[in-house]
């Protein structure tokens, strides 16, 4: 990732909540058995929108964890402002070494786009470890639909993303003791990344001034948008059940 703009900032610019993330979470909610009183963990919570959306609609006790302390500060402020501080809590932490005991959450949701430069296999392993037997582990992950050209793969990795093909992601789940897997695209038209040039410029400016504008107009973002539009690089939802004997 170019040093002129942090990967977490750029990826949130490319995935605005109202245009991209909220519709994806609505699809995610249909897959997960969310009930009042159940305990959920959101790994890669960013600034907390996902956790607050989940807590407000389902009245679940939801914890968000993210390695970026600034994002956690924003999330805590949002929770207080929304009157959800008793349902939604946040802490800074390493997603590859979660600060929780084994088997404590009914549902664990991983958002890999909020975890740039992070080992996806280790994150899935930790998500499974803290999930209760017969609980649900779900991950929102970038995935290749076919083998990419080397230069495209290098550019995407430079953005902080570490995509795998679906069979590799599924192997991470199975190795962690998560079974009954299902995979679907979070956005079938490649719309998981904002494509409109003017919108990108506006959001880049709001996020980081000219640094943000240069970032969204750069080769890395153009490559990401092209691969998403052509569905070479997809955004997938993988869901499974934590097997009791894993």
Protein backbone atom coordinates (compact mmCIF):
# COMPACT_ATOMS: atom_id res chain seq x y z
CA UNK A 1 0.00 0.00 0.00
CA UNK A 2 1.38 3.43 -0.92
CA UNK A 3 2.51 5.39 2.12
CA UNK A 4 0.50 8.47 1.07
CA UNK A 5 -2.75 7.01 2.42
CA UNK A 6 -3.38 4.28 5.00
CA UNK A 7 -4.92 1.08 3.68
CA UNK A 8 -7.77 1.20 6.22
CA UNK A 9 -8.68 4.74 5.14
CA UNK A 10 -8.58 3.96 1.43
CA UNK A 11 -10.63 0.78 1.73
CA UNK A 12 -13.34 2.60 3.69
CA UNK A 13 -13.43 5.29 1.01
CA UNK A 14 -13.95 2.58 -1.60
CA UNK A 15 -16.71 0.92 0.44
CA UNK A 16 -19.06 3.71 1.58
CA UNK A 17 -21.66 2.53 4.05
CA UNK A 18 -24.91 3.68 2.40
CA UNK A 19 -23.93 2.71 -1.15
CA UNK A 20 -22.09 -0.56 -0.54
CA UNK A 21 -21.75 -1.89 2.99
CA UNK A 22 -25.30 -1.62 4.34
CA UNK A 23 -26.87 -3.57 1.42
CA UNK A 24 -24.22 -6.27 1.89
CA UNK A 25 -24.98 -6.49 5.61
CA UNK A 26 -28.68 -6.83 4.83
CA UNK A 27 -27.81 -9.92 2.80
CA UNK A 28 -25.55 -11.15 5.57
CA UNK A 29 -28.34 -10.78 8.13
CA UNK A 30 -30.56 -13.10 6.13
CA UNK A 31 -27.92 -15.82 6.40
CA UNK A 32 -27.29 -15.57 10.14
CA UNK A 33 -29.72 -16.61 12.85
CA UNK A 34 -29.59 -13.35 14.79
CA UNK A 35 -31.79 -13.33 17.88
CA UNK A 36 -32.18 -10.98 20.82
CA UNK A 37 -29.81 -11.82 23.66
CA UNK A 38 -27.36 -13.83 21.58
CA UNK A 39 -23.70 -12.84 21.80
CA UNK A 40 -21.85 -11.87 18.64
CA UNK A 41 -18.29 -10.83 17.86
CA UNK A 42 -17.43 -8.68 14.86
CA UNK A 43 -13.76 -9.07 13.89
CA UNK A 44 -12.63 -6.14 11.77
CA UNK A 45 -15.34 -3.76 12.92
CA UNK A 46 -13.74 -0.58 11.56
CA UNK A 47 -15.47 2.49 12.96
CA UNK A 48 -18.38 0.44 14.27
CA UNK A 49 -21.17 0.93 11.75
CA UNK A 50 -21.62 -2.81 11.27
CA UNK A 51 -21.76 -3.56 14.99
CA UNK A 52 -24.22 -0.75 15.70
CA UNK A 53 -26.41 -1.74 12.74
CA UNK A 54 -26.46 -5.33 14.03
CA UNK A 55 -27.15 -4.37 17.67
CA UNK A 56 -29.91 -1.92 16.85
CA UNK A 57 -31.85 -4.30 14.60
CA UNK A 58 -31.43 -7.58 16.45
CA UNK A 59 -30.80 -6.36 20.03
CA UNK A 60 -27.87 -8.75 20.20
CA UNK A 61 -24.98 -8.25 22.60
CA UNK A 62 -22.28 -7.46 20.09
CA UNK A 63 -18.59 -6.77 20.52
CA UNK A 64 -16.41 -5.22 17.85
CA UNK A 65 -12.67 -5.67 17.66
CA UNK A 66 -10.24 -3.92 15.34
CA UNK A 67 -6.46 -3.38 15.31
CA UNK A 68 -6.85 0.36 14.60
CA UNK A 69 -7.30 2.28 17.86
CA UNK A 70 -8.60 5.37 16.04
CA UNK A 71 -11.41 3.34 14.50
CA UNK A 72 -12.29 1.95 17.93
CA UNK A 73 -12.45 5.46 19.40
CA UNK A 74 -14.87 6.47 16.63
CA UNK A 75 -16.94 3.33 17.22
CA UNK A 76 -17.25 4.00 20.94
CA UNK A 77 -18.33 7.57 20.29
CA UNK A 78 -20.95 6.38 17.81
CA UNK A 79 -22.27 3.81 20.27
CA UNK A 80 -22.73 6.46 22.95
CA UNK A 81 -24.40 8.80 20.48
CA UNK A 82 -26.81 6.09 19.34
CA UNK A 83 -27.68 5.02 22.89
CA UNK A 84 -26.33 1.52 22.21
CA UNK A 85 -23.37 1.46 24.60
CA UNK A 86 -24.98 -1.30 26.71
CA UNK A 87 -25.42 -3.60 23.70
CA UNK A 88 -22.36 -2.70 21.61
CA UNK A 89 -18.84 -2.66 23.02
CA UNK A 90 -15.49 -2.23 21.32
CA UNK A 91 -11.84 -2.89 21.93
CA UNK A 92 -8.55 -2.68 20.10
CA UNK A 93 -7.03 -6.08 19.46
CA UNK A 94 -5.08 -8.37 17.19
CA UNK A 95 -7.48 -10.38 14.97
CA UNK A 96 -4.89 -13.17 14.70
CA UNK A 97 -4.69 -13.46 18.50
CA UNK A 98 -8.07 -12.52 19.92
CA UNK A 99 -8.20 -11.52 23.61
CA UNK A 100 -11.04 -13.95 24.42
CA UNK A 101 -11.45 -17.36 25.99
CA UNK A 102 -12.43 -20.33 23.82
CA UNK A 103 -16.07 -20.89 22.80
CA UNK A 104 -17.71 -17.71 24.14
CA UNK A 105 -19.72 -16.28 21.20
CA UNK A 106 -22.83 -17.58 19.42
CA UNK A 107 -21.88 -15.83 16.19
CA UNK A 108 -18.54 -14.57 14.91
CA UNK A 109 -18.40 -12.35 11.84
CA UNK A 110 -15.14 -11.48 10.10
CA UNK A 111 -14.82 -8.51 7.73
CA UNK A 112 -11.51 -8.94 5.92
CA UNK A 113 -11.73 -5.62 4.06
CA UNK A 114 -11.32 -3.92 7.43
CA UNK A 115 -8.21 -6.00 8.15
CA UNK A 116 -5.63 -5.05 5.51
CA UNK A 117 -2.25 -6.80 5.58
CA UNK A 118 -3.65 -9.50 7.87
CA UNK A 119 -3.27 -13.28 7.59
CA UNK A 120 -6.73 -14.54 6.61
CA UNK A 121 -6.06 -18.13 7.63
CA UNK A 122 -5.06 -17.10 11.15
CA UNK A 123 -8.09 -14.80 11.46
CA UNK A 124 -10.47 -17.63 10.52
CA UNK A 125 -8.73 -19.93 12.98
CA UNK A 126 -9.22 -17.44 15.79
CA UNK A 127 -12.84 -16.79 14.83
CA UNK A 128 -13.52 -20.52 15.08
CA UNK A 129 -11.71 -20.80 18.42
CA UNK A 130 -13.91 -18.23 20.15
CA UNK A 131 -17.17 -19.51 18.62
CA UNK A 132 -19.37 -21.84 20.67
CA UNK A 133 -20.04 -25.36 19.41
CA UNK A 134 -22.79 -25.31 16.75
CA UNK A 135 -22.41 -21.54 16.56
CA UNK A 136 -22.01 -19.65 13.29
CA UNK A 137 -18.81 -18.31 11.76
CA UNK A 138 -19.24 -15.96 8.81
CA UNK A 139 -16.59 -14.10 6.85
CA UNK A 140 -16.75 -11.36 4.26
CA UNK A 141 -13.69 -11.99 2.13
CA UNK A 142 -12.08 -10.93 -1.17
CA UNK A 143 -11.79 -13.95 -3.44
CA UNK A 144 -10.40 -14.67 -6.88
CA UNK A 145 -12.81 -16.23 -9.36
CA UNK A 146 -9.83 -17.26 -11.49
CA UNK A 147 -6.06 -17.07 -11.34
CA UNK A 148 -5.08 -13.40 -11.72
CA UNK A 149 -2.21 -12.01 -13.74
CA UNK A 150 0.87 -11.65 -11.57
CA UNK A 151 1.01 -7.86 -11.84
CA UNK A 152 -2.67 -7.56 -10.87
CA UNK A 153 -2.16 -9.82 -7.86
CA UNK A 154 0.82 -7.74 -6.74
CA UNK A 155 -1.15 -4.50 -7.04
CA UNK A 156 -4.05 -5.91 -5.02
CA UNK A 157 -1.68 -7.16 -2.32
CA UNK A 158 -0.16 -3.69 -2.26
CA UNK A 159 -3.58 -2.36 -1.29
CA UNK A 160 -3.50 -4.63 1.74
CA UNK A 161 -5.90 -7.26 0.39
CA UNK A 162 -5.05 -10.95 0.42
CA UNK A 163 -7.60 -12.72 -1.79
CA UNK A 164 -7.78 -16.49 -2.22
CA UNK A 165 -9.92 -18.65 -4.45
CA UNK A 166 -13.03 -20.03 -2.73
CA UNK A 167 -11.61 -23.53 -2.29
CA UNK A 168 -8.68 -22.08 -0.33
CA UNK A 169 -10.94 -20.00 1.93
CA UNK A 170 -13.09 -23.07 2.56
CA UNK A 171 -10.02 -25.11 3.49
CA UNK A 172 -9.16 -22.49 6.14
CA UNK A 173 -12.65 -22.95 7.63
CA UNK A 174 -12.48 -26.74 7.60
CA UNK A 175 -9.01 -26.79 9.13
CA UNK A 176 -10.38 -24.61 11.95
CA UNK A 177 -13.27 -27.03 12.63
CA UNK A 178 -16.00 -25.14 10.77
CA UNK A 179 -18.25 -27.29 8.56
CA UNK A 180 -21.50 -27.14 6.54
CA UNK A 181 -20.00 -24.36 4.45
CA UNK A 182 -21.86 -22.18 2.00
CA UNK A 183 -20.39 -19.53 -0.28
CA UNK A 184 -22.15 -16.75 -2.15
CA UNK A 185 -21.23 -13.44 -3.69
CA UNK A 186 -21.93 -10.43 -1.52
CA UNK A 187 -22.51 -8.30 -4.62
CA UNK A 188 -23.15 -10.22 -7.83
CA UNK A 189 -22.56 -7.24 -10.14
CA UNK A 190 -19.11 -6.38 -8.80
CA UNK A 191 -20.64 -3.44 -6.95
CA UNK A 192 -18.87 -4.15 -3.68
CA UNK A 193 -16.44 -1.40 -4.64
CA UNK A 194 -17.68 2.07 -5.48
CA UNK A 195 -17.12 2.54 -9.22
CA UNK A 196 -18.35 6.07 -9.97
CA UNK A 197 -15.35 8.31 -10.59
CA UNK A 198 -16.90 11.51 -9.27
CA UNK A 199 -18.10 9.80 -6.10
CA UNK A 200 -14.63 8.40 -5.55
CA UNK A 201 -13.06 11.85 -5.93
CA UNK A 202 -15.53 13.41 -3.48
CA UNK A 203 -15.03 10.68 -0.91
CA UNK A 204 -11.26 10.76 -1.35
CA UNK A 205 -11.24 14.51 -0.76
CA UNK A 206 -13.42 14.25 2.34
CA UNK A 207 -11.21 11.52 3.78
CA UNK A 208 -7.77 13.00 3.16
CA UNK A 209 -7.82 16.06 0.90
CA UNK A 210 -5.51 15.90 -2.10
CA UNK A 211 -3.86 12.76 -0.73
CA UNK A 212 -7.21 11.04 -0.88
CA UNK A 213 -7.94 12.28 -4.39
CA UNK A 214 -4.56 11.09 -5.67
CA UNK A 215 -5.14 7.70 -4.03
CA UNK A 216 -8.56 7.06 -5.58
CA UNK A 217 -7.29 8.12 -9.00
CA UNK A 218 -4.16 5.99 -8.77
CA UNK A 219 -3.29 2.79 -10.59
CA UNK A 220 -4.01 0.60 -7.57
CA UNK A 221 -7.64 1.72 -7.30
CA UNK A 222 -8.16 1.63 -11.07
CA UNK A 223 -6.94 -1.96 -11.07
CA UNK A 224 -9.17 -2.91 -8.14
CA UNK A 225 -12.24 -1.36 -9.78
CA UNK A 226 -11.50 -3.10 -13.09
CA UNK A 227 -11.05 -6.52 -11.48
CA UNK A 228 -14.22 -6.10 -9.40
CA UNK A 229 -16.23 -4.92 -12.41
CA UNK A 230 -15.09 -7.91 -14.45
CA UNK A 231 -15.71 -10.18 -11.44
CA UNK A 232 -12.19 -11.52 -11.51
CA UNK A 233 -11.98 -10.31 -7.91
CA UNK A 234 -15.14 -10.94 -5.95
CA UNK A 235 -16.40 -10.19 -2.48
CA UNK A 236 -17.76 -13.39 -0.97
CA UNK A 237 -19.77 -14.38 2.08
CA UNK A 238 -18.65 -17.69 3.55
CA UNK A 239 -20.78 -19.20 6.29
CA UNK A 240 -20.24 -22.32 8.38
CA UNK A 241 -21.07 -24.08 11.63
CA UNK A 242 -18.54 -24.56 14.41
CA UNK A 243 -18.30 -28.30 14.87
CA UNK A 244 -18.25 -29.38 18.56
CA UNK A 245 -15.28 -31.70 18.14
CA UNK A 246 -12.98 -29.37 16.21
